[in-house]
PDB file of N, CA and C in Angstrom:
ATOM      1  N   MET A   1      98.204 -23.385 -21.678  1.00  0.00           N
ATOM      2  CA  MET A   1      98.810 -23.892 -22.831  1.00  0.00           C
ATOM      3  C   MET A   1      99.028 -23.188 -24.367  1.00  0.00           C
ATOM      4  N   LEU A   2      97.746 -22.358 -24.558  1.00  0.00           N
ATOM      5  CA  LEU A   2      97.418 -22.006 -25.823  1.00  0.00           C
ATOM      6  C   LEU A   2      97.937 -20.718 -25.775  1.00  0.00           C
ATOM      7  N   ASN A   3      99.035 -19.942 -24.291  1.00  0.00           N
ATOM      8  CA  ASN A   3      98.834 -18.856 -24.311  1.00  0.00           C
ATOM      9  C   ASN A   3      99.286 -17.714 -25.311  1.00  0.00           C
ATOM     10  N   PHE A   4     100.417 -18.948 -26.770  1.00  0.00           N
ATOM     11  CA  PHE A   4     101.459 -18.706 -27.644  1.00  0.00           C
ATOM     12  C   PHE A   4     100.217 -17.662 -28.616  1.00  0.00           C
ATOM     13  N   ILE A   5      99.276 -18.027 -28.379  1.00  0.00           N
ATOM     14  CA  ILE A   5      98.082 -18.074 -29.659  1.00  0.00           C
ATOM     15  C   ILE A   5      97.263 -16.478 -29.477  1.00  0.00           C
ATOM     16  N   THR A   6      97.825 -15.719 -30.555  1.00  0.00           N
ATOM     17  CA  THR A   6      96.950 -14.426 -30.287  1.00  0.00           C
ATOM     18  C   THR A   6      95.873 -14.166 -31.258  1.00  0.00           C
ATOM     19  N   TRP A   7      94.697 -14.306 -30.987  1.00  0.00           N
ATOM     20  CA  TRP A   7      93.786 -13.747 -31.419  1.00  0.00           C
ATOM     21  C   TRP A   7      93.041 -12.238 -31.903  1.00  0.00           C
ATOM     22  N   ASP A   8      93.658 -11.970 -32.601  1.00  0.00           N
ATOM     23  CA  ASP A   8      93.084 -10.168 -32.551  1.00  0.00           C
ATOM     24  C   ASP A   8      92.616 -10.110 -34.001  1.00  0.00           C
ATOM     25  N   VAL A   9      92.072 -10.431 -34.860  1.00  0.00           N
ATOM     26  CA  VAL A   9      91.307 -10.257 -36.114  1.00  0.00           C
ATOM     27  C   VAL A   9      90.612  -9.810 -36.299  1.00  0.00           C
ATOM     28  N   SER A  10      90.483  -8.501 -37.066  1.00  0.00           N
ATOM     29  CA  SER A  10      89.575  -7.650 -37.006  1.00  0.00           C
ATOM     30  C   SER A  10      88.265  -7.953 -37.913  1.00  0.00           C
ATOM     31  N   PRO A  11      87.182  -7.560 -37.288  1.00  0.00           N
ATOM     32  CA  PRO A  11      85.806  -8.402 -37.821  1.00  0.00           C
ATOM     33  C   PRO A  11      85.747  -7.686 -39.243  1.00  0.00           C
ATOM     34  N   ASP A  12      86.142  -6.602 -39.202  1.00  0.00           N
ATOM     35  CA  ASP A  12      85.950  -5.456 -40.325  1.00  0.00           C
ATOM     36  C   ASP A  12      86.955  -5.900 -41.644  1.00  0.00           C
ATOM     37  N   ILE A  13      86.325  -5.528 -43.437  1.00  0.00           N
ATOM     38  CA  ILE A  13      86.888  -5.917 -43.865  1.00  0.00           C
ATOM     39  C   ILE A  13      87.319  -4.584 -44.503  1.00  0.00           C
ATOM     40  N   PHE A  14      86.636  -3.545 -44.955  1.00  0.00           N
ATOM     41  CA  PHE A  14      86.955  -2.123 -45.006  1.00  0.00           C
ATOM     42  C   PHE A  14      85.654  -1.212 -44.519  1.00  0.00           C
ATOM     43  N   SER A  15      85.767   0.017 -44.635  1.00  0.00           N
ATOM     44  CA  SER A  15      84.902   0.941 -44.607  1.00  0.00           C
ATOM     45  C   SER A  15      84.724   2.007 -45.281  1.00  0.00           C
ATOM     46  N   LEU A  16      83.913   2.365 -45.580  1.00  0.00           N
ATOM     47  CA  LEU A  16      83.731   3.360 -46.468  1.00  0.00           C
ATOM     48  C   LEU A  16      82.515   4.408 -45.837  1.00  0.00           C
ATOM     49  N   GLY A  17      83.005   5.447 -45.294  1.00  0.00           N
ATOM     50  CA  GLY A  17      82.303   6.236 -44.827  1.00  0.00           C
ATOM     51  C   GLY A  17      81.412   5.896 -43.537  1.00  0.00           C
ATOM     52  N   PRO A  18      80.039   5.727 -43.333  1.00  0.00           N
ATOM     53  CA  PRO A  18      79.225   5.234 -42.120  1.00  0.00           C
ATOM     54  C   PRO A  18      79.075   3.546 -42.502  1.00  0.00           C
ATOM     55  N   VAL A  19      79.345   3.218 -43.400  1.00  0.00           N
ATOM     56  CA  VAL A  19      78.755   1.580 -44.199  1.00  0.00           C
ATOM     57  C   VAL A  19      80.076   0.990 -43.950  1.00  0.00           C
ATOM     58  N   THR A  20      80.192  -0.720 -42.851  1.00  0.00           N
ATOM     59  CA  THR A  20      81.809  -1.219 -42.919  1.00  0.00           C
ATOM     60  C   THR A  20      81.151  -2.373 -43.585  1.00  0.00           C
ATOM     61  N   VAL A  21      81.851  -2.616 -43.940  1.00  0.00           N
ATOM     62  CA  VAL A  21      82.001  -4.196 -44.255  1.00  0.00           C
ATOM     63  C   VAL A  21      82.831  -5.206 -43.501  1.00  0.00           C
ATOM     64  N   ARG A  22      81.791  -6.593 -43.090  1.00  0.00           N
ATOM     65  CA  ARG A  22      82.498  -7.596 -42.397  1.00  0.00           C
ATOM     66  C   ARG A  22      82.592  -8.673 -43.117  1.00  0.00           C
ATOM     67  N   TRP A  23      83.030  -9.715 -42.193  1.00  0.00           N
ATOM     68  CA  TRP A  23      83.364 -10.538 -42.774  1.00  0.00           C
ATOM     69  C   TRP A  23      82.464 -11.706 -42.479  1.00  0.00           C
ATOM     70  N   TYR A  24      81.695 -11.777 -41.850  1.00  0.00           N
ATOM     71  CA  TYR A  24      80.565 -12.567 -41.265  1.00  0.00           C
ATOM     72  C   TYR A  24      79.304 -12.295 -42.313  1.00  0.00           C
ATOM     73  N   GLY A  25      79.380 -11.110 -42.410  1.00  0.00           N
ATOM     74  CA  GLY A  25      78.265 -10.492 -43.856  1.00  0.00           C
ATOM     75  C   GLY A  25      78.462 -10.423 -44.942  1.00  0.00           C
ATOM     76  N   LEU A  26      80.262 -10.766 -45.828  1.00  0.00           N
ATOM     77  CA  LEU A  26      80.546 -11.348 -46.689  1.00  0.00           C
ATOM     78  C   LEU A  26      80.531 -12.688 -47.652  1.00  0.00           C
ATOM     79  N   LEU A  27      80.442 -13.416 -45.876  1.00  0.00           N
ATOM     80  CA  LEU A  27      80.009 -15.085 -46.102  1.00  0.00           C
ATOM     81  C   LEU A  27      78.671 -15.446 -45.917  1.00  0.00           C
ATOM     82  N   PHE A  28      78.165 -14.560 -45.421  1.00  0.00           N
ATOM     83  CA  PHE A  28      76.530 -14.844 -45.402  1.00  0.00           C
ATOM     84  C   PHE A  28      75.962 -14.644 -47.132  1.00  0.00           C
ATOM     85  N   ALA A  29      76.712 -13.251 -47.647  1.00  0.00           N
ATOM     86  CA  ALA A  29      75.961 -12.838 -48.813  1.00  0.00           C
ATOM     87  C   ALA A  29      76.792 -13.889 -50.102  1.00  0.00           C
ATOM     88  N   LEU A  30      77.894 -14.475 -49.883  1.00  0.00           N
ATOM     89  CA  LEU A  30      78.470 -15.499 -50.544  1.00  0.00           C
ATOM     90  C   LEU A  30      77.862 -16.602 -50.880  1.00  0.00           C
ATOM     91  N   ALA A  31      77.179 -16.663 -49.613  1.00  0.00           N
ATOM     92  CA  ALA A  31      76.575 -18.504 -49.242  1.00  0.00           C
ATOM     93  C   ALA A  31      75.104 -18.196 -49.597  1.00  0.00           C
ATOM     94  N   PHE A  32      74.476 -17.239 -50.102  1.00  0.00           N
ATOM     95  CA  PHE A  32      73.138 -17.089 -50.804  1.00  0.00           C
ATOM     96  C   PHE A  32      73.687 -16.507 -52.303  1.00  0.00           C
ATOM     97  N   VAL A  33      74.729 -15.982 -52.226  1.00  0.00           N
ATOM     98  CA  VAL A  33      74.524 -15.957 -54.180  1.00  0.00           C
ATOM     99  C   VAL A  33      75.240 -17.577 -55.169  1.00  0.00           C
ATOM    100  N   LEU A  34      76.001 -18.449 -54.038  1.00  0.00           N
ATOM    101  CA  LEU A  34      76.736 -19.428 -54.663  1.00  0.00           C
ATOM    102  C   LEU A  34      75.950 -20.797 -54.223  1.00  0.00           C
ATOM    103  N   THR A  35      74.400 -20.421 -53.698  1.00  0.00           N
ATOM    104  CA  THR A  35      73.209 -21.384 -53.443  1.00  0.00           C
ATOM    105  C   THR A  35      72.535 -21.650 -54.364  1.00  0.00           C
ATOM    106  N   GLN A  36      72.278 -20.377 -54.805  1.00  0.00           N
ATOM    107  CA  GLN A  36      70.699 -19.742 -55.564  1.00  0.00           C
ATOM    108  C   GLN A  36      70.944 -20.521 -57.009  1.00  0.00           C
ATOM    109  N   PRO A  37      72.052 -20.871 -57.674  1.00  0.00           N
ATOM    110  CA  PRO A  37      72.095 -21.368 -58.739  1.00  0.00           C
ATOM    111  C   PRO A  37      71.640 -22.838 -58.882  1.00  0.00           C
ATOM    112  N   ILE A  38      72.417 -23.663 -57.633  1.00  0.00           N
ATOM    113  CA  ILE A  38      72.242 -24.677 -57.387  1.00  0.00           C
ATOM    114  C   ILE A  38      71.176 -25.105 -56.716  1.00  0.00           C
ATOM    115  N   GLU A  39      70.388 -24.331 -56.446  1.00  0.00           N
ATOM    116  CA  GLU A  39      68.755 -24.974 -55.961  1.00  0.00           C
ATOM    117  C   GLU A  39      68.063 -24.230 -57.521  1.00  0.00           C
ATOM    118  N   LYS A  40      67.949 -23.378 -57.893  1.00  0.00           N
ATOM    119  CA  LYS A  40      67.460 -23.261 -59.440  1.00  0.00           C
ATOM    120  C   LYS A  40      67.445 -24.548 -60.127  1.00  0.00           C
ATOM    121  N   TYR A  41      68.878 -24.966 -59.943  1.00  0.00           N
ATOM    122  CA  TYR A  41      69.003 -25.967 -61.538  1.00  0.00           C
ATOM    123  C   TYR A  41      68.473 -27.641 -60.301  1.00  0.00           C
ATOM    124  N   ILE A  42      68.743 -27.584 -59.334  1.00  0.00           N
ATOM    125  CA  ILE A  42      67.440 -29.048 -58.868  1.00  0.00           C
ATOM    126  C   ILE A  42      66.192 -28.272 -58.673  1.00  0.00           C
ATOM    127  N   TYR A  43      65.430 -27.105 -58.757  1.00  0.00           N
ATOM    128  CA  TYR A  43      64.166 -26.743 -59.172  1.00  0.00           C
ATOM    129  C   TYR A  43      63.411 -27.160 -60.202  1.00  0.00           C
ATOM    130  N   ARG A  44      64.422 -26.776 -61.643  1.00  0.00           N
ATOM    131  CA  ARG A  44      64.300 -27.108 -62.690  1.00  0.00           C
ATOM    132  C   ARG A  44      64.202 -28.410 -63.381  1.00  0.00           C
ATOM    133  N   LYS A  45      65.450 -29.441 -62.506  1.00  0.00           N
ATOM    134  CA  LYS A  45      65.438 -30.754 -62.746  1.00  0.00           C
ATOM    135  C   LYS A  45      64.196 -31.312 -61.782  1.00  0.00           C
ATOM    136  N   ASP A  46      63.312 -31.057 -61.230  1.00  0.00           N
ATOM    137  CA  ASP A  46      61.899 -31.624 -60.223  1.00  0.00           C
ATOM    138  C   ASP A  46      61.069 -30.534 -61.273  1.00  0.00           C
ATOM    139  N   GLY A  47      61.210 -29.970 -62.295  1.00  0.00           N
ATOM    140  CA  GLY A  47      60.188 -29.388 -62.678  1.00  0.00           C
ATOM    141  C   GLY A  47      59.277 -28.248 -62.461  1.00  0.00           C
ATOM    142  N   ARG A  48      59.712 -27.527 -61.039  1.00  0.00           N
ATOM    143  CA  ARG A  48      59.154 -26.252 -60.337  1.00  0.00           C
ATOM    144  C   ARG A  48      59.772 -25.118 -61.439  1.00  0.00           C
ATOM    145  N   LYS A  49      58.942 -23.904 -60.799  1.00  0.00           N
ATOM    146  CA  LYS A  49      59.245 -22.705 -61.278  1.00  0.00           C
ATOM    147  C   LYS A  49      60.726 -22.106 -60.548  1.00  0.00           C
ATOM    148  N   ASP A  50      60.988 -21.335 -61.223  1.00  0.00           N
ATOM    149  CA  ASP A  50      62.318 -20.429 -60.723  1.00  0.00           C
ATOM    150  C   ASP A  50      61.673 -19.233 -59.615  1.00  0.00           C
ATOM    151  N   GLU A  51      60.342 -18.995 -59.883  1.00  0.00           N
ATOM    152  CA  GLU A  51      59.885 -17.988 -58.814  1.00  0.00           C
ATOM    153  C   GLU A  51      59.870 -18.664 -57.386  1.00  0.00           C
ATOM    154  N   ASP A  52      59.842 -20.040 -56.930  1.00  0.00           N
ATOM    155  CA  ASP A  52      59.478 -20.661 -55.921  1.00  0.00           C
ATOM    156  C   ASP A  52      61.534 -20.789 -55.222  1.00  0.00           C
ATOM    157  N   VAL A  53      62.342 -20.553 -55.808  1.00  0.00           N
ATOM    158  CA  VAL A  53      63.928 -20.266 -55.331  1.00  0.00           C
ATOM    159  C   VAL A  53      63.752 -19.163 -55.054  1.00  0.00           C
ATOM    160  N   ASP A  54      63.713 -18.172 -55.690  1.00  0.00           N
ATOM    161  CA  ASP A  54      63.477 -16.586 -55.064  1.00  0.00           C
ATOM    162  C   ASP A  54      62.702 -16.489 -53.929  1.00  0.00           C
ATOM    163  N   ILE A  55      61.764 -16.868 -53.311  1.00  0.00           N
ATOM    164  CA  ILE A  55      60.558 -16.647 -52.219  1.00  0.00           C
ATOM    165  C   ILE A  55      61.388 -17.715 -51.386  1.00  0.00           C
ATOM    166  N   LEU A  56      62.217 -18.711 -51.699  1.00  0.00           N
ATOM    167  CA  LEU A  56      62.871 -19.474 -50.734  1.00  0.00           C
ATOM    168  C   LEU A  56      64.415 -18.573 -50.347  1.00  0.00           C
ATOM    169  N   THR A  57      64.735 -18.146 -51.472  1.00  0.00           N
ATOM    170  CA  THR A  57      66.114 -17.623 -50.896  1.00  0.00           C
ATOM    171  C   THR A  57      65.994 -15.826 -50.013  1.00  0.00           C
ATOM    172  N   MET A  58      65.137 -15.303 -50.567  1.00  0.00           N
ATOM    173  CA  MET A  58      64.082 -14.280 -49.651  1.00  0.00           C
ATOM    174  C   MET A  58      63.943 -14.900 -47.873  1.00  0.00           C
ATOM    175  N   TYR A  59      63.247 -15.431 -47.297  1.00  0.00           N
ATOM    176  CA  TYR A  59      62.957 -16.667 -46.481  1.00  0.00           C
ATOM    177  C   TYR A  59      64.178 -17.084 -45.664  1.00  0.00           C
ATOM    178  N   MET A  60      65.347 -17.707 -46.770  1.00  0.00           N
ATOM    179  CA  MET A  60      66.751 -17.760 -45.706  1.00  0.00           C
ATOM    180  C   MET A  60      67.333 -16.760 -45.747  1.00  0.00           C
ATOM    181  N   ILE A  61      67.110 -15.716 -46.251  1.00  0.00           N
ATOM    182  CA  ILE A  61      68.112 -14.127 -45.781  1.00  0.00           C
ATOM    183  C   ILE A  61      67.590 -13.661 -44.589  1.00  0.00           C
ATOM    184  N   ILE A  62      65.690 -14.039 -44.565  1.00  0.00           N
ATOM    185  CA  ILE A  62      65.585 -13.410 -43.210  1.00  0.00           C
ATOM    186  C   ILE A  62      65.412 -14.112 -42.056  1.00  0.00           C
ATOM    187  N   GLY A  63      65.900 -15.451 -42.593  1.00  0.00           N
ATOM    188  CA  GLY A  63      65.804 -16.512 -41.629  1.00  0.00           C
ATOM    189  C   GLY A  63      67.270 -16.235 -40.583  1.00  0.00           C
ATOM    190  N   THR A  64      68.097 -16.176 -41.708  1.00  0.00           N
ATOM    191  CA  THR A  64      69.853 -15.936 -41.602  1.00  0.00           C
ATOM    192  C   THR A  64      69.563 -14.713 -40.317  1.00  0.00           C
ATOM    193  N   VAL A  65      69.215 -13.859 -41.167  1.00  0.00           N
ATOM    194  CA  VAL A  65      69.344 -12.331 -39.934  1.00  0.00           C
ATOM    195  C   VAL A  65      68.623 -12.724 -38.630  1.00  0.00           C
ATOM    196  N   ILE A  66      67.747 -13.300 -38.499  1.00  0.00           N
ATOM    197  CA  ILE A  66      66.675 -13.319 -37.540  1.00  0.00           C
ATOM    198  C   ILE A  66      67.714 -13.920 -36.442  1.00  0.00           C
ATOM    199  N   GLY A  67      67.982 -15.347 -37.015  1.00  0.00           N
ATOM    200  CA  GLY A  67      68.593 -16.139 -36.082  1.00  0.00           C
ATOM    201  C   GLY A  67      70.277 -15.995 -35.540  1.00  0.00           C
ATOM    202  N   ALA A  68      70.424 -15.054 -36.565  1.00  0.00           N
ATOM    203  CA  ALA A  68      72.228 -14.377 -35.730  1.00  0.00           C
ATOM    204  C   ALA A  68      71.889 -13.271 -34.541  1.00  0.00           C
ATOM    205  N   ARG A  69      70.992 -12.941 -34.876  1.00  0.00           N
ATOM    206  CA  ARG A  69      70.648 -11.835 -34.123  1.00  0.00           C
ATOM    207  C   ARG A  69      70.229 -12.302 -32.534  1.00  0.00           C
ATOM    208  N   TRP A  70      69.322 -13.368 -33.009  1.00  0.00           N
ATOM    209  CA  TRP A  70      68.895 -14.177 -31.791  1.00  0.00           C
ATOM    210  C   TRP A  70      70.042 -14.908 -31.122  1.00  0.00           C
ATOM    211  N   GLY A  71      70.863 -15.297 -32.036  1.00  0.00           N
ATOM    212  CA  GLY A  71      72.022 -16.456 -31.624  1.00  0.00           C
ATOM    213  C   GLY A  71      73.059 -15.434 -30.659  1.00  0.00           C
ATOM    214  N   THR A  72      73.284 -13.716 -31.304  1.00  0.00           N
ATOM    215  CA  THR A  72      74.604 -13.503 -30.410  1.00  0.00           C
ATOM    216  C   THR A  72      73.679 -12.954 -29.198  1.00  0.00           C
ATOM    217  N   ALA A  73      71.988 -12.396 -29.367  1.00  0.00           N
ATOM    218  CA  ALA A  73      71.755 -12.124 -28.209  1.00  0.00           C
ATOM    219  C   ALA A  73      71.394 -13.203 -26.935  1.00  0.00           C
ATOM    220  N   CYS A  74      71.398 -14.301 -27.639  1.00  0.00           N
ATOM    221  CA  CYS A  74      71.024 -15.393 -25.864  1.00  0.00           C
ATOM    222  C   CYS A  74      72.748 -15.983 -25.908  1.00  0.00           C
ATOM    223  N   PHE A  75      72.988 -16.339 -26.566  1.00  0.00           N
ATOM    224  CA  PHE A  75      74.905 -17.068 -26.416  1.00  0.00           C
ATOM    225  C   PHE A  75      75.328 -15.642 -26.185  1.00  0.00           C
ATOM    226  N   MET A  76      75.403 -15.181 -26.565  1.00  0.00           N
ATOM    227  CA  MET A  76      77.241 -13.707 -26.419  1.00  0.00           C
ATOM    228  C   MET A  76      76.674 -13.121 -25.372  1.00  0.00           C
ATOM    229  N   THR A  77      75.273 -12.631 -25.047  1.00  0.00           N
ATOM    230  CA  THR A  77      74.961 -12.012 -23.667  1.00  0.00           C
ATOM    231  C   THR A  77      75.216 -13.402 -22.466  1.00  0.00           C
ATOM    232  N   ARG A  78      74.703 -14.521 -22.690  1.00  0.00           N
ATOM    233  CA  ARG A  78      74.841 -15.361 -21.518  1.00  0.00           C
ATOM    234  C   ARG A  78      76.521 -15.482 -21.590  1.00  0.00           C
ATOM    235  N   CYS A  79      77.125 -15.675 -22.466  1.00  0.00           N
ATOM    236  CA  CYS A  79      78.716 -15.611 -22.049  1.00  0.00           C
ATOM    237  C   CYS A  79      79.288 -14.746 -21.814  1.00  0.00           C
ATOM    238  N   ILE A  80      79.442 -13.214 -21.914  1.00  0.00           N
ATOM    239  CA  ILE A  80      80.047 -12.253 -21.417  1.00  0.00           C
ATOM    240  C   ILE A  80      79.409 -12.553 -19.761  1.00  0.00           C
ATOM    241  N   THR A  81      78.095 -12.433 -19.733  1.00  0.00           N
ATOM    242  CA  THR A  81      77.577 -12.652 -18.072  1.00  0.00           C
ATOM    243  C   THR A  81      78.197 -13.389 -17.426  1.00  0.00           C
ATOM    244  N   SER A  82      78.605 -14.516 -17.496  1.00  0.00           N
ATOM    245  CA  SER A  82      78.725 -15.639 -16.978  1.00  0.00           C
ATOM    246  C   SER A  82      80.337 -15.285 -16.537  1.00  0.00           C
ATOM    247  N   LEU A  83      81.222 -14.635 -18.023  1.00  0.00           N
ATOM    248  CA  LEU A  83      82.522 -14.418 -17.615  1.00  0.00           C
ATOM    249  C   LEU A  83      82.867 -13.135 -16.745  1.00  0.00           C
ATOM    250  N   THR A  84      81.772 -12.545 -16.696  1.00  0.00           N
ATOM    251  CA  THR A  84      81.884 -11.366 -15.592  1.00  0.00           C
ATOM    252  C   THR A  84      81.565 -11.955 -14.137  1.00  0.00           C
ATOM    253  N   ARG A  85      80.489 -12.379 -14.442  1.00  0.00           N
ATOM    254  CA  ARG A  85      80.186 -12.899 -13.118  1.00  0.00           C
ATOM    255  C   ARG A  85      81.514 -13.653 -12.293  1.00  0.00           C
ATOM    256  N   SER A  86      82.282 -14.840 -13.017  1.00  0.00           N
ATOM    257  CA  SER A  86      82.896 -15.397 -12.550  1.00  0.00           C
ATOM    258  C   SER A  86      84.311 -14.497 -11.742  1.00  0.00           C
ATOM    259  N   LYS A  87      84.518 -13.322 -12.361  1.00  0.00           N
ATOM    260  CA  LYS A  87      85.725 -12.885 -12.771  1.00  0.00           C
ATOM    261  C   LYS A  87      85.374 -11.626 -11.860  1.00  0.00           C
ATOM    262  N   PHE A  88      84.073 -11.401 -10.909  1.00  0.00           N
ATOM    263  CA  PHE A  88      84.189 -10.385 -10.146  1.00  0.00           C
ATOM    264  C   PHE A  88      83.663 -10.851  -8.629  1.00  0.00           C
ATOM    265  N   SER A  89      83.671 -12.414  -8.671  1.00  0.00           N
ATOM    266  CA  SER A  89      82.492 -12.944  -7.878  1.00  0.00           C
ATOM    267  C   SER A  89      83.455 -13.281  -6.956  1.00  0.00           C
TER     268      SER A  89
END
């Protein structure tokens, strides 16, 4: 039914030598950059310190990196394994 759709989008935006910038990395970074001023506004409105936002942002970055790697390891590996099993069974 959807054979007419060709999905061959490259995950890379550009490469500079050994460094490759990918779309998901750019979008994660953009989300953190856009979210931090909103968080600072909310924290100032509640009477909290700006340093708390910086700590929260670091936790968000660490959690995102760990969660993305864990999700890739668990879900993509399982998905690829089930596809290869069904193909060659």
